[in-house]
Amino acid sequence: MTPPDEFDPPVGEAEELAPDLRRVLAPNPSPMTYRGTNTYLVGRRALAVIDPGPDNPAHLEAILAALTPGQRISHIFVTHAHLDHSPLAVSLSRVTGAPVLAYGAAHAGRSEVMQGLAATGLVGGGEGVDAGFSPDHCLKDGEVTPGDGWSITAHWTPGHFGNHMSFTWNNMAFCGDLVMGWASSLVSPPDGDLTDFRASCQRLAALKPAVLHTGHGAPVADPDARIAWLLAHRQTREEAILAALRDTARTAAEVTRAVYTDTPRALLPAAERNVLAHLVDLHQRARVAPQGQLSESSRFQLI
């Protein structure tokens, strides 16, 4: 894993990562996006773009400037409908004529329990849903898209987001925000689902990619080790959450304050969303129960 302070590529410049693979970093750094969103260009003549990124004119120009004579963009793939990954697809498609391919619209892929939470009024925790996102073509799980000298396989990997897909090409996987090397992924109900997240991590590991190209940060050179760490990290959090409920029922906010004692105040809202995801997952597995209807403000108790 590349130490965070060592990943600092130039913004807006196409960098070669492997033959027929380049990365262009978007100018949207933040605590949630790290240095910015990674946009990938795959191919030699007619290119596939993976995750066009935020609706930013400078980033659009940077992607187009990366095209060399004789190159064009033929396909636009989107891992998921967060504002830092999908909005530029509209402008890029308009300029290039390339279709946008993804699992589905912004709320596609939500599990039944998350649909129920959304029906109670629960909305995302500020990470930014591209609510108007709608692809030109909805990819099926396992669908292979052939291109000019390349083919990309789509894998539905919900968890961080319901419509999240990972894409494999050659021996590499483009895994969006499911797995990253610089931080653990946010899982924020109702779009994030921890039960799905764990299953998707295991599925990604089963694909046996040699490297993971992530939505933010450096490539992950040891996917097995990183995915194992992420799952172990979630298990450690689960144990801490269960311990916090040992003597009294608590809300997600109360559990967060008990568990995330060293987290900066500005990051506590995101931590609370992760805790809520754990509590919903534990409820699904009959480890805890809400007092009354399951909701964002429920008090949870051990079963």
Protein backbone atom coordinates (compact mmCIF):
# COMPACT_ATOMS: atom_id res chain seq x y z
CA MET A 1 0.00 0.00 0.00
CA THR A 2 1.36 3.41 -0.97
CA PRO A 3 1.66 5.70 2.07
CA PRO A 4 -0.88 8.53 1.67
CA ASP A 5 1.72 11.30 1.51
CA GLU A 6 3.52 9.55 -1.38
CA PHE A 7 0.50 9.57 -3.71
CA ASP A 8 0.41 13.04 -5.16
CA PRO A 9 0.17 12.88 -8.97
CA PRO A 10 -0.22 16.02 -11.06
CA VAL A 11 -3.81 17.14 -11.51
CA GLY A 12 -5.20 16.98 -15.03
CA GLU A 13 -2.25 15.20 -16.65
CA ALA A 14 -2.57 11.75 -18.22
CA GLU A 15 -0.15 9.35 -16.54
CA GLU A 16 0.59 5.92 -17.97
CA LEU A 17 -0.01 3.13 -15.46
CA ALA A 18 0.38 0.16 -17.83
CA PRO A 19 0.29 -0.41 -21.58
CA ASP A 20 -2.99 1.06 -22.91
CA LEU A 21 -3.95 2.39 -19.47
CA ARG A 22 -3.72 5.99 -18.27
CA ARG A 23 -5.06 7.90 -15.28
CA VAL A 24 -6.17 11.54 -15.15
CA LEU A 25 -6.64 12.99 -11.66
CA ALA A 26 -9.63 15.31 -11.22
CA PRO A 27 -9.25 18.63 -9.35
CA ASN A 28 -11.60 17.72 -6.47
CA PRO A 29 -9.48 16.92 -3.39
CA SER A 30 -11.31 16.67 -0.06
CA PRO A 31 -11.36 14.56 3.13
CA MET A 32 -13.78 12.21 1.33
CA THR A 33 -12.04 12.10 -2.07
CA TYR A 34 -8.37 12.29 -0.96
CA ARG A 35 -6.28 13.82 -3.82
CA GLY A 36 -9.31 13.69 -6.14
CA THR A 37 -11.17 11.26 -8.37
CA ASN A 38 -9.18 8.94 -10.62
CA THR A 39 -10.45 8.85 -14.20
CA TYR A 40 -9.07 5.98 -16.29
CA LEU A 41 -8.53 5.74 -20.05
CA VAL A 42 -8.31 2.21 -21.45
CA GLY A 43 -7.28 1.34 -24.99
CA ARG A 44 -5.12 2.48 -27.88
CA ARG A 45 -7.44 3.99 -30.54
CA ALA A 46 -11.11 3.92 -29.52
CA LEU A 47 -10.89 4.35 -25.76
CA ALA A 48 -13.02 3.43 -22.77
CA VAL A 49 -13.24 6.02 -20.00
CA ILE A 50 -13.90 4.65 -16.51
CA ASP A 51 -15.36 7.14 -13.99
CA PRO A 52 -15.41 10.50 -15.80
CA GLY A 53 -15.66 12.22 -12.42
CA PRO A 54 -17.25 15.43 -11.13
CA ASP A 55 -18.99 17.99 -13.33
CA ASN A 56 -15.90 20.14 -13.76
CA PRO A 57 -15.06 21.88 -17.08
CA ALA A 58 -11.32 21.75 -16.40
CA HIS A 59 -11.47 17.99 -15.91
CA LEU A 60 -13.48 17.58 -19.11
CA GLU A 61 -10.80 19.50 -20.99
CA ALA A 62 -8.06 17.40 -19.34
CA ILE A 63 -9.71 14.15 -20.48
CA LEU A 64 -10.10 15.43 -24.04
CA ALA A 65 -6.55 16.78 -24.03
CA ALA A 66 -5.28 13.30 -23.17
CA LEU A 67 -6.43 12.04 -26.57
CA THR A 68 -3.60 11.73 -29.04
CA PRO A 69 -4.04 12.03 -32.84
CA GLY A 70 -6.22 9.19 -34.08
CA GLN A 71 -7.77 8.49 -30.67
CA ARG A 72 -11.40 8.93 -29.69
CA ILE A 73 -13.62 7.94 -26.77
CA SER A 74 -16.06 5.15 -27.67
CA HIS A 75 -17.46 4.11 -24.25
CA ILE A 76 -17.97 5.75 -20.84
CA PHE A 77 -18.20 3.40 -17.85
CA VAL A 78 -19.37 4.62 -14.42
CA THR A 79 -18.76 2.65 -11.22
CA HIS A 80 -21.48 4.40 -9.21
CA ALA A 81 -23.66 7.50 -8.99
CA HIS A 82 -21.82 9.64 -6.48
CA LEU A 83 -21.16 13.28 -7.39
CA ASP A 84 -17.42 12.74 -7.57
CA HIS A 85 -17.68 9.88 -10.08
CA SER A 86 -20.61 10.19 -12.48
CA PRO A 87 -21.83 13.73 -13.35
CA LEU A 88 -19.23 14.51 -16.03
CA ALA A 89 -20.53 11.52 -18.00
CA VAL A 90 -23.29 13.72 -19.44
CA SER A 91 -20.94 16.37 -20.87
CA LEU A 92 -18.35 13.84 -22.00
CA SER A 93 -21.01 11.83 -23.82
CA ARG A 94 -22.40 14.96 -25.45
CA VAL A 95 -18.96 15.99 -26.75
CA THR A 96 -17.79 12.55 -27.88
CA GLY A 97 -21.02 10.74 -28.75
CA ALA A 98 -19.95 7.81 -26.55
CA PRO A 99 -22.69 5.97 -24.61
CA VAL A 100 -22.70 5.88 -20.81
CA LEU A 101 -22.71 2.39 -19.30
CA ALA A 102 -23.47 1.54 -15.65
CA TYR A 103 -25.55 -0.80 -13.51
CA GLY A 104 -28.52 1.54 -13.48
CA ALA A 105 -29.95 4.83 -12.26
CA ALA A 106 -28.94 6.43 -8.99
CA HIS A 107 -31.14 4.31 -6.72
CA ALA A 108 -30.87 1.03 -8.64
CA GLY A 109 -29.55 -1.91 -6.68
CA ARG A 110 -30.77 -0.93 -3.22
CA SER A 111 -31.49 -3.95 -1.05
CA GLU A 112 -34.99 -4.48 0.32
CA VAL A 113 -34.03 -3.35 3.81
CA MET A 114 -32.46 -0.17 2.42
CA GLN A 115 -35.56 0.54 0.37
CA GLY A 116 -37.50 0.29 3.61
CA LEU A 117 -35.17 2.73 5.36
CA ALA A 118 -35.45 5.16 2.47
CA ALA A 119 -39.24 4.94 2.75
CA THR A 120 -38.97 6.17 6.37
CA GLY A 121 -37.27 9.34 5.11
CA LEU A 122 -33.65 8.34 5.56
CA VAL A 123 -31.40 9.99 2.99
CA GLY A 124 -27.67 9.81 2.34
CA GLY A 125 -25.22 11.19 4.83
CA GLY A 126 -23.78 14.02 2.78
CA GLU A 127 -21.48 12.04 0.51
CA GLY A 128 -23.41 13.34 -2.49
CA VAL A 129 -25.70 11.28 -4.70
CA ASP A 130 -25.95 12.15 -8.40
CA ALA A 131 -29.73 11.83 -8.19
CA GLY A 132 -30.33 12.47 -11.89
CA PHE A 133 -27.86 9.88 -13.12
CA SER A 134 -29.25 7.52 -15.76
CA PRO A 135 -27.00 5.51 -18.09
CA ASP A 136 -27.62 4.96 -21.78
CA HIS A 137 -27.11 1.24 -21.24
CA CYS A 138 -27.73 -0.71 -18.01
CA LEU A 139 -25.08 -3.36 -17.62
CA LYS A 140 -25.94 -6.82 -16.37
CA ASP A 141 -23.77 -8.51 -13.79
CA GLY A 142 -21.06 -10.35 -15.73
CA GLU A 143 -21.76 -8.54 -19.00
CA VAL A 144 -18.79 -8.20 -21.32
CA THR A 145 -18.47 -5.06 -23.43
CA PRO A 146 -16.15 -5.48 -26.45
CA GLY A 147 -14.17 -2.51 -27.70
CA ASP A 148 -11.38 -1.68 -30.11
CA GLY A 149 -8.67 -4.08 -28.96
CA TRP A 150 -10.11 -4.40 -25.44
CA SER A 151 -13.02 -5.95 -23.58
CA ILE A 152 -14.31 -4.92 -20.18
CA THR A 153 -16.38 -7.15 -17.89
CA ALA A 154 -18.87 -5.58 -15.47
CA HIS A 155 -19.37 -7.00 -11.98
CA TRP A 156 -22.17 -5.76 -9.73
CA THR A 157 -20.50 -5.00 -6.39
CA PRO A 158 -22.99 -3.13 -4.17
CA GLY A 159 -22.12 -2.13 -0.64
CA HIS A 160 -20.58 1.31 -0.82
CA PHE A 161 -23.48 2.16 -3.13
CA GLY A 162 -26.39 0.16 -4.48
CA ASN A 163 -25.59 0.65 -8.17
CA HIS A 164 -21.84 0.14 -7.69
CA MET A 165 -20.00 -1.88 -10.32
CA SER A 166 -16.42 -2.98 -10.62
CA PHE A 167 -14.84 -3.54 -14.02
CA THR A 168 -12.17 -6.03 -15.01
CA TRP A 169 -9.79 -5.67 -17.93
CA ASN A 170 -6.79 -7.91 -18.57
CA ASN A 171 -5.67 -8.91 -15.06
CA MET A 172 -6.77 -5.67 -13.40
CA ALA A 173 -9.91 -4.50 -11.62
CA PHE A 174 -11.30 -0.98 -11.48
CA CYS A 175 -13.17 -1.08 -8.19
CA GLY A 176 -14.40 2.48 -7.65
CA ASP A 177 -14.94 3.14 -3.96
CA LEU A 178 -15.49 -0.47 -2.88
CA VAL A 179 -11.82 -0.92 -1.97
CA MET A 180 -9.23 1.81 -1.61
CA GLY A 181 -5.69 1.79 -0.30
CA TRP A 182 -5.67 5.11 1.52
CA ALA A 183 -8.83 4.67 3.63
CA SER A 184 -11.63 2.28 4.46
CA SER A 185 -14.75 2.78 2.35
CA LEU A 186 -17.75 4.72 3.60
CA VAL A 187 -20.90 2.61 3.89
CA SER A 188 -23.80 5.01 4.40
CA PRO A 189 -27.43 3.79 4.42
CA PRO A 190 -29.73 3.77 2.54
CA ASP A 191 -27.36 3.72 -0.46
CA GLY A 192 -24.63 1.86 1.40
CA ASP A 193 -25.30 -1.63 2.73
CA LEU A 194 -22.73 -3.39 4.92
CA THR A 195 -24.14 -6.86 4.26
CA ASP A 196 -23.68 -6.26 0.53
CA PHE A 197 -20.29 -4.62 1.13
CA ARG A 198 -18.84 -7.71 2.77
CA ALA A 199 -20.19 -9.98 0.04
CA SER A 200 -18.84 -7.70 -2.70
CA CYS A 201 -15.38 -7.57 -1.13
CA GLN A 202 -15.30 -11.36 -1.09
CA ARG A 203 -16.48 -11.48 -4.69
CA LEU A 204 -13.82 -8.98 -5.77
CA ALA A 205 -11.16 -11.08 -4.06
CA ALA A 206 -12.44 -14.18 -5.85
CA LEU A 207 -11.79 -12.50 -9.21
CA LYS A 208 -8.08 -12.66 -8.34
CA PRO A 209 -7.00 -9.35 -9.93
CA ALA A 210 -3.29 -8.64 -9.90
CA VAL A 211 -3.92 -4.99 -9.07
CA LEU A 212 -6.85 -2.80 -8.05
CA HIS A 213 -7.25 0.60 -9.68
CA THR A 214 -9.37 2.53 -7.21
CA GLY A 215 -11.61 5.57 -7.36
CA HIS A 216 -9.20 7.55 -5.19
CA GLY A 217 -5.56 7.05 -4.33
CA ALA A 218 -2.80 4.81 -5.62
CA PRO A 219 -3.23 1.37 -7.19
CA VAL A 220 -3.50 -1.48 -4.68
CA ALA A 221 -0.72 -3.93 -5.55
CA ASP A 222 -1.80 -6.67 -3.12
CA PRO A 223 -5.59 -6.97 -3.43
CA ASP A 224 -5.90 -10.05 -1.22
CA ALA A 225 -4.11 -8.40 1.69
CA ARG A 226 -6.05 -5.16 1.38
CA ILE A 227 -9.45 -6.83 1.15
CA ALA A 228 -8.60 -9.07 4.11
CA TRP A 229 -7.63 -5.97 6.10
CA LEU A 230 -10.89 -4.21 5.22
CA LEU A 231 -13.01 -7.18 6.29
CA ALA A 232 -11.01 -7.56 9.51
CA HIS A 233 -11.41 -3.84 10.18
CA ARG A 234 -15.19 -4.16 9.82
CA GLN A 235 -15.17 -7.15 12.18
CA THR A 236 -13.25 -5.14 14.78
CA ARG A 237 -15.79 -2.31 14.49
CA GLU A 238 -18.63 -4.77 14.87
CA GLU A 239 -17.16 -6.13 18.09
CA ALA A 240 -16.74 -2.62 19.47
CA ILE A 241 -20.35 -1.75 18.59
CA LEU A 242 -21.66 -4.89 20.30
CA ALA A 243 -19.58 -4.03 23.37
CA ALA A 244 -21.09 -0.53 23.44
CA LEU A 245 -24.56 -2.10 23.56
CA ARG A 246 -23.71 -4.61 26.27
CA ASP A 247 -25.22 -2.68 29.17
CA THR A 248 -27.72 -0.33 27.56
CA ALA A 249 -29.67 0.37 24.39
CA ARG A 250 -28.21 3.16 22.30
CA THR A 251 -28.80 5.09 19.09
CA ALA A 252 -26.29 5.10 16.26
CA ALA A 253 -25.13 8.56 17.36
CA GLU A 254 -24.57 7.37 20.93
CA VAL A 255 -22.69 4.28 19.78
CA THR A 256 -20.52 6.44 17.53
CA ARG A 257 -19.45 8.64 20.44
CA ALA A 258 -18.64 5.55 22.49
CA VAL A 259 -16.65 3.78 19.75
CA TYR A 260 -14.98 6.54 17.72
CA THR A 261 -13.26 8.23 20.64
CA ASP A 262 -10.20 9.41 18.67
CA THR A 263 -12.00 10.56 15.52
CA PRO A 264 -11.91 14.30 14.68
CA ARG A 265 -15.29 15.96 15.21
CA ALA A 266 -15.60 16.85 11.52
CA LEU A 267 -15.51 13.14 10.58
CA LEU A 268 -18.03 11.96 13.18
CA PRO A 269 -21.06 12.31 10.86
CA ALA A 270 -19.44 9.88 8.40
CA ALA A 271 -18.52 7.58 11.27
CA GLU A 272 -22.13 7.61 12.43
CA ARG A 273 -23.27 6.47 8.99
CA ASN A 274 -20.85 3.56 9.21
CA VAL A 275 -22.17 2.67 12.65
CA LEU A 276 -25.75 2.75 11.36
CA ALA A 277 -24.71 0.42 8.54
CA HIS A 278 -23.26 -1.98 11.11
CA LEU A 279 -26.40 -1.84 13.23
CA VAL A 280 -28.63 -2.59 10.25
CA ASP A 281 -26.36 -5.49 9.29
CA LEU A 282 -26.44 -6.82 12.86
CA HIS A 283 -30.23 -6.51 12.85
CA GLN A 284 -30.35 -8.53 9.64
CA ARG A 285 -28.30 -11.23 11.35
CA ALA A 286 -30.48 -11.17 14.50
CA ARG A 287 -27.68 -9.88 16.74
CA VAL A 288 -29.40 -6.61 17.70
CA ALA A 289 -32.94 -5.27 17.49
CA PRO A 290 -34.32 -1.74 17.20
CA GLN A 291 -36.80 -0.56 19.78
CA GLY A 292 -39.77 0.04 17.53
CA GLN A 293 -39.55 0.54 13.77
CA LEU A 294 -36.11 0.39 12.21
CA SER A 295 -35.01 3.94 11.46
CA GLU A 296 -32.02 6.28 11.63
CA SER A 297 -32.97 7.35 15.17
CA SER A 298 -33.76 3.87 16.55
CA ARG A 299 -32.33 2.76 19.85
CA PHE A 300 -30.73 -0.66 19.40
CA GLN A 301 -30.35 -3.39 21.98
CA LEU A 302 -28.62 -6.74 22.04
CA ILE A 303 -30.72 -9.82 21.38
